[in-house]
Amino acid sequence: MGTIYRLPYVHPDIPLLIINGVGILFAGIYIFLALKSSTGRKRVTIAVVFPITLVFIGAFSAGIFVGVQTPDRRSVIVGPACDVSGILTYVSTIPALLRAWRTKNIENVSLFLTGAGLANSITWLIYAILKFETFMMIQNGIGFIVCCIQLTLYQKIIAAATDLPR
């Protein structure tokens, strides 16, 4: 969604368009590796959800470019869609974290992934503040809060599992 937002026809910003393009490349590699390494139900889920996602993004983009005539109006529609997409990305690790909280077993929660999410949210939040990019501030501000909560829960799960003083 961020790439659509950065297109010259919506909200032009060439450096971020390039960064988002590289992000799409990395996401494609990640999805390919996930498909290759997964088996059974997980592979089917990825194989079904990924094309549906592409169709949704394509239809959304076509609708915006055909139905909305000015870049300012497109920004007002695509920006909140980017916020929703970004926030969903940040909260996607919460189910695993809640499962770890219930079972007191942290093995399925990636500290690296949570830390990377925190670093990502801080980096883009600083950029958004400097450039006064409202939509980026919203998603990355919420992402920062979510990642801080996740790291706190991670620490509490570790402490509970090892009976460390809290």
C-alpha atoms as a PDB file:
ATOM      1  CA  MET A   1       0.000   0.000   0.000  1.00  0.00           C
ATOM      2  CA  GLY A   2       2.864   2.360   0.767  1.00  0.00           C
ATOM      3  CA  THR A   3       4.131   2.026  -2.773  1.00  0.00           C
ATOM      4  CA  ILE A   4       0.749   3.056  -4.157  1.00  0.00           C
ATOM      5  CA  TYR A   5       0.697   6.037  -1.791  1.00  0.00           C
ATOM      6  CA  ARG A   6       4.113   7.195  -3.047  1.00  0.00           C
ATOM      7  CA  LEU A   7       3.275   7.033  -6.747  1.00  0.00           C
ATOM      8  CA  PRO A   8       3.421  10.433  -8.478  1.00  0.00           C
ATOM      9  CA  TYR A   9      -0.316  10.198  -9.140  1.00  0.00           C
ATOM     10  CA  VAL A  10      -1.141   9.982  -5.429  1.00  0.00           C
ATOM     11  CA  HIS A  11       1.497  11.547  -3.156  1.00  0.00           C
ATOM     12  CA  PRO A  12       4.827  11.880  -4.958  1.00  0.00           C
ATOM     13  CA  ASP A  13       7.991  11.052  -3.039  1.00  0.00           C
ATOM     14  CA  ILE A  14      10.569   9.305  -5.220  1.00  0.00           C
ATOM     15  CA  PRO A  15      13.041   8.244  -2.465  1.00  0.00           C
ATOM     16  CA  LEU A  16      10.266   6.537  -0.501  1.00  0.00           C
ATOM     17  CA  LEU A  17       8.875   5.016  -3.677  1.00  0.00           C
ATOM     18  CA  ILE A  18      12.271   3.403  -4.265  1.00  0.00           C
ATOM     19  CA  ILE A  19      12.471   2.233  -0.635  1.00  0.00           C
ATOM     20  CA  ASN A  20       8.964   0.753  -0.875  1.00  0.00           C
ATOM     21  CA  GLY A  21       9.898  -0.934  -4.151  1.00  0.00           C
ATOM     22  CA  VAL A  22      12.873  -2.586  -2.458  1.00  0.00           C
ATOM     23  CA  GLY A  23      10.533  -3.570   0.382  1.00  0.00           C
ATOM     24  CA  ILE A  24       8.249  -5.284  -2.124  1.00  0.00           C
ATOM     25  CA  LEU A  25      11.246  -7.187  -3.483  1.00  0.00           C
ATOM     26  CA  PHE A  26      12.196  -8.334   0.037  1.00  0.00           C
ATOM     27  CA  ALA A  27       8.582  -9.291   0.775  1.00  0.00           C
ATOM     28  CA  GLY A  28       8.495 -11.338  -2.437  1.00  0.00           C
ATOM     29  CA  ILE A  29      11.661 -13.172  -1.421  1.00  0.00           C
ATOM     30  CA  TYR A  30      10.220 -13.760   2.055  1.00  0.00           C
ATOM     31  CA  ILE A  31       6.969 -15.137   0.639  1.00  0.00           C
ATOM     32  CA  PHE A  32       8.872 -17.387  -1.777  1.00  0.00           C
ATOM     33  CA  LEU A  33      11.004 -18.748   1.083  1.00  0.00           C
ATOM     34  CA  ALA A  34       7.927 -19.186   3.282  1.00  0.00           C
ATOM     35  CA  LEU A  35       6.206 -21.154   0.513  1.00  0.00           C
ATOM     36  CA  LYS A  36       9.297 -23.253  -0.087  1.00  0.00           C
ATOM     37  CA  SER A  37       9.915 -24.082   3.569  1.00  0.00           C
ATOM     38  CA  SER A  38       6.330 -24.569   4.725  1.00  0.00           C
ATOM     39  CA  THR A  39       4.291 -27.707   4.353  1.00  0.00           C
ATOM     40  CA  GLY A  40       0.673 -28.749   4.311  1.00  0.00           C
ATOM     41  CA  ARG A  41      -1.855 -26.320   5.686  1.00  0.00           C
ATOM     42  CA  LYS A  42       0.548 -23.377   6.029  1.00  0.00           C
ATOM     43  CA  ARG A  43       1.625 -23.672   2.405  1.00  0.00           C
ATOM     44  CA  VAL A  44      -1.990 -23.775   1.232  1.00  0.00           C
ATOM     45  CA  THR A  45      -2.806 -20.736   3.376  1.00  0.00           C
ATOM     46  CA  ILE A  46       0.064 -18.741   1.886  1.00  0.00           C
ATOM     47  CA  ALA A  47      -0.783 -19.921  -1.637  1.00  0.00           C
ATOM     48  CA  VAL A  48      -4.398 -18.780  -1.195  1.00  0.00           C
ATOM     49  CA  VAL A  49      -3.956 -15.561   0.801  1.00  0.00           C
ATOM     50  CA  PHE A  50      -1.121 -14.090  -1.279  1.00  0.00           C
ATOM     51  CA  PRO A  51      -3.006 -14.013  -4.628  1.00  0.00           C
ATOM     52  CA  ILE A  52      -6.121 -12.694  -2.864  1.00  0.00           C
ATOM     53  CA  THR A  53      -4.008  -9.895  -1.407  1.00  0.00           C
ATOM     54  CA  LEU A  54      -2.573  -9.054  -4.825  1.00  0.00           C
ATOM     55  CA  VAL A  55      -6.058  -8.967  -6.373  1.00  0.00           C
ATOM     56  CA  PHE A  56      -7.311  -6.708  -3.570  1.00  0.00           C
ATOM     57  CA  ILE A  57      -4.394  -4.279  -3.947  1.00  0.00           C
ATOM     58  CA  GLY A  58      -4.804  -4.280  -7.737  1.00  0.00           C
ATOM     59  CA  ALA A  59      -8.545  -3.629  -7.527  1.00  0.00           C
ATOM     60  CA  PHE A  60      -8.047  -0.944  -4.881  1.00  0.00           C
ATOM     61  CA  SER A  61      -5.387   0.762  -7.012  1.00  0.00           C
ATOM     62  CA  ALA A  62      -7.486   0.592 -10.172  1.00  0.00           C
ATOM     63  CA  GLY A  63     -10.481   1.985  -8.309  1.00  0.00           C
ATOM     64  CA  ILE A  64      -8.441   4.873  -6.946  1.00  0.00           C
ATOM     65  CA  PHE A  65      -6.809   5.754 -10.259  1.00  0.00           C
ATOM     66  CA  VAL A  66     -10.024   5.500 -12.263  1.00  0.00           C
ATOM     67  CA  GLY A  67     -12.527   6.818  -9.738  1.00  0.00           C
ATOM     68  CA  VAL A  68     -10.649   9.622  -7.997  1.00  0.00           C
ATOM     69  CA  GLN A  69      -9.401  12.434 -10.186  1.00  0.00           C
ATOM     70  CA  THR A  70      -7.025  14.540  -8.056  1.00  0.00           C
ATOM     71  CA  PRO A  71      -3.840  13.510  -6.233  1.00  0.00           C
ATOM     72  CA  ASP A  72      -5.012  15.251  -3.039  1.00  0.00           C
ATOM     73  CA  ARG A  73      -8.199  13.196  -2.908  1.00  0.00           C
ATOM     74  CA  ARG A  74      -6.254  10.035  -3.709  1.00  0.00           C
ATOM     75  CA  SER A  75      -3.900  10.789  -0.809  1.00  0.00           C
ATOM     76  CA  VAL A  76      -6.841  11.159   1.562  1.00  0.00           C
ATOM     77  CA  ILE A  77      -8.136   7.721   0.555  1.00  0.00           C
ATOM     78  CA  VAL A  78      -4.878   5.805   0.162  1.00  0.00           C
ATOM     79  CA  GLY A  79      -3.237   7.302   3.285  1.00  0.00           C
ATOM     80  CA  PRO A  80      -5.704   5.771   5.779  1.00  0.00           C
ATOM     81  CA  ALA A  81      -5.587   2.478   3.848  1.00  0.00           C
ATOM     82  CA  CYS A  82      -1.803   2.537   4.329  1.00  0.00           C
ATOM     83  CA  ASP A  83      -2.347   3.209   8.032  1.00  0.00           C
ATOM     84  CA  VAL A  84      -4.613   0.187   8.380  1.00  0.00           C
ATOM     85  CA  SER A  85      -2.155  -1.981   6.457  1.00  0.00           C
ATOM     86  CA  GLY A  86       0.810  -0.771   8.520  1.00  0.00           C
ATOM     87  CA  ILE A  87      -0.980  -1.210  11.835  1.00  0.00           C
ATOM     88  CA  LEU A  88      -2.047  -4.734  10.874  1.00  0.00           C
ATOM     89  CA  THR A  89       1.596  -5.498  10.127  1.00  0.00           C
ATOM     90  CA  TYR A  90       2.679  -4.299  13.558  1.00  0.00           C
ATOM     91  CA  VAL A  91      -0.031  -6.226  15.418  1.00  0.00           C
ATOM     92  CA  SER A  92       0.421  -9.441  13.406  1.00  0.00           C
ATOM     93  CA  THR A  93       2.745 -10.915  16.052  1.00  0.00           C
ATOM     94  CA  ILE A  94       0.281 -10.388  18.909  1.00  0.00           C
ATOM     95  CA  PRO A  95      -1.494 -13.785  18.574  1.00  0.00           C
ATOM     96  CA  ALA A  96       1.820 -15.634  19.012  1.00  0.00           C
ATOM     97  CA  LEU A  97       2.660 -13.406  21.963  1.00  0.00           C
ATOM     98  CA  LEU A  98      -0.701 -14.069  23.628  1.00  0.00           C
ATOM     99  CA  ARG A  99      -0.264 -17.802  23.074  1.00  0.00           C
ATOM    100  CA  ALA A 100       3.165 -17.552  24.691  1.00  0.00           C
ATOM    101  CA  TRP A 101       1.640 -15.634  27.616  1.00  0.00           C
ATOM    102  CA  ARG A 102      -0.975 -18.349  28.189  1.00  0.00           C
ATOM    103  CA  THR A 103       1.469 -21.240  27.903  1.00  0.00           C
ATOM    104  CA  LYS A 104       4.474 -19.433  29.443  1.00  0.00           C
ATOM    105  CA  ASN A 105       6.476 -20.803  26.493  1.00  0.00           C
ATOM    106  CA  ILE A 106       8.352 -18.145  24.550  1.00  0.00           C
ATOM    107  CA  GLU A 107       9.867 -20.400  21.882  1.00  0.00           C
ATOM    108  CA  ASN A 108       7.390 -19.349  19.149  1.00  0.00           C
ATOM    109  CA  VAL A 109       7.925 -15.620  19.698  1.00  0.00           C
ATOM    110  CA  SER A 110      10.801 -13.977  17.885  1.00  0.00           C
ATOM    111  CA  LEU A 111      12.595 -11.341  19.936  1.00  0.00           C
ATOM    112  CA  PHE A 112      14.462 -10.388  16.758  1.00  0.00           C
ATOM    113  CA  LEU A 113      11.198  -9.778  14.879  1.00  0.00           C
ATOM    114  CA  THR A 114       9.780  -7.675  17.696  1.00  0.00           C
ATOM    115  CA  GLY A 115      13.024  -5.714  18.004  1.00  0.00           C
ATOM    116  CA  ALA A 116      13.118  -5.177  14.248  1.00  0.00           C
ATOM    117  CA  GLY A 117       9.529  -3.922  14.375  1.00  0.00           C
ATOM    118  CA  LEU A 118      10.483  -1.483  17.128  1.00  0.00           C
ATOM    119  CA  ALA A 119      13.523  -0.231  15.191  1.00  0.00           C
ATOM    120  CA  ASN A 120      11.392   0.098  12.048  1.00  0.00           C
ATOM    121  CA  SER A 121       8.673   2.047  13.839  1.00  0.00           C
ATOM    122  CA  ILE A 122      11.194   4.398  15.473  1.00  0.00           C
ATOM    123  CA  THR A 123      12.997   5.045  12.189  1.00  0.00           C
ATOM    124  CA  TRP A 124       9.852   5.786  10.200  1.00  0.00           C
ATOM    125  CA  LEU A 125       8.262   7.745  13.044  1.00  0.00           C
ATOM    126  CA  ILE A 126      11.288  10.058  13.142  1.00  0.00           C
ATOM    127  CA  TYR A 127      11.131  10.435   9.355  1.00  0.00           C
ATOM    128  CA  ALA A 128       7.391  11.152   9.500  1.00  0.00           C
ATOM    129  CA  ILE A 129       7.863  13.792  12.187  1.00  0.00           C
ATOM    130  CA  LEU A 130      10.667  15.493  10.252  1.00  0.00           C
ATOM    131  CA  LYS A 131       8.659  15.510   7.003  1.00  0.00           C
ATOM    132  CA  PHE A 132       5.307  16.024   8.767  1.00  0.00           C
ATOM    133  CA  GLU A 133       3.796  12.982   7.077  1.00  0.00           C
ATOM    134  CA  THR A 134       0.581  12.557   9.053  1.00  0.00           C
ATOM    135  CA  PHE A 135      -0.352   9.111   7.774  1.00  0.00           C
ATOM    136  CA  MET A 136       3.145   7.763   8.432  1.00  0.00           C
ATOM    137  CA  MET A 137       3.066   9.268  11.932  1.00  0.00           C
ATOM    138  CA  ILE A 138      -0.186   7.509  12.746  1.00  0.00           C
ATOM    139  CA  GLN A 139       0.817   3.997  11.701  1.00  0.00           C
ATOM    140  CA  ASN A 140       4.361   4.172  13.043  1.00  0.00           C
ATOM    141  CA  GLY A 141       3.323   5.882  16.279  1.00  0.00           C
ATOM    142  CA  ILE A 142       0.851   3.072  16.910  1.00  0.00           C
ATOM    143  CA  GLY A 143       3.491   0.592  15.758  1.00  0.00           C
ATOM    144  CA  PHE A 144       5.961   2.022  18.288  1.00  0.00           C
ATOM    145  CA  ILE A 145       3.429   1.645  21.112  1.00  0.00           C
ATOM    146  CA  VAL A 146       2.510  -1.895  20.034  1.00  0.00           C
ATOM    147  CA  CYS A 147       6.174  -2.949  19.806  1.00  0.00           C
ATOM    148  CA  CYS A 148       6.931  -1.483  23.252  1.00  0.00           C
ATOM    149  CA  ILE A 149       3.992  -3.436  24.686  1.00  0.00           C
ATOM    150  CA  GLN A 150       5.208  -6.578  22.918  1.00  0.00           C
ATOM    151  CA  LEU A 151       8.733  -6.192  24.321  1.00  0.00           C
ATOM    152  CA  THR A 152       7.315  -5.629  27.805  1.00  0.00           C
ATOM    153  CA  LEU A 153       5.151  -8.751  27.529  1.00  0.00           C
ATOM    154  CA  TYR A 154       8.130 -10.687  26.172  1.00  0.00           C
ATOM    155  CA  GLN A 155      10.169  -9.664  29.221  1.00  0.00           C
ATOM    156  CA  LYS A 156       7.316 -10.579  31.575  1.00  0.00           C
ATOM    157  CA  ILE A 157       6.900 -13.990  29.932  1.00  0.00           C
ATOM    158  CA  ILE A 158      10.630 -14.666  30.293  1.00  0.00           C
ATOM    159  CA  ALA A 159      10.508 -13.518  33.922  1.00  0.00           C
ATOM    160  CA  ALA A 160       7.459 -15.690  34.665  1.00  0.00           C
ATOM    161  CA  ALA A 161       8.980 -18.714  32.951  1.00  0.00           C
ATOM    162  CA  THR A 162      12.254 -18.416  34.853  1.00  0.00           C
ATOM    163  CA  ASP A 163      10.774 -17.141  38.149  1.00  0.00           C
ATOM    164  CA  LEU A 164      12.876 -13.996  38.048  1.00  0.00           C
ATOM    165  CA  PRO A 165      11.880 -11.065  40.243  1.00  0.00           C
ATOM    166  CA  ARG A 166       9.454  -8.795  38.423  1.00  0.00           C
END
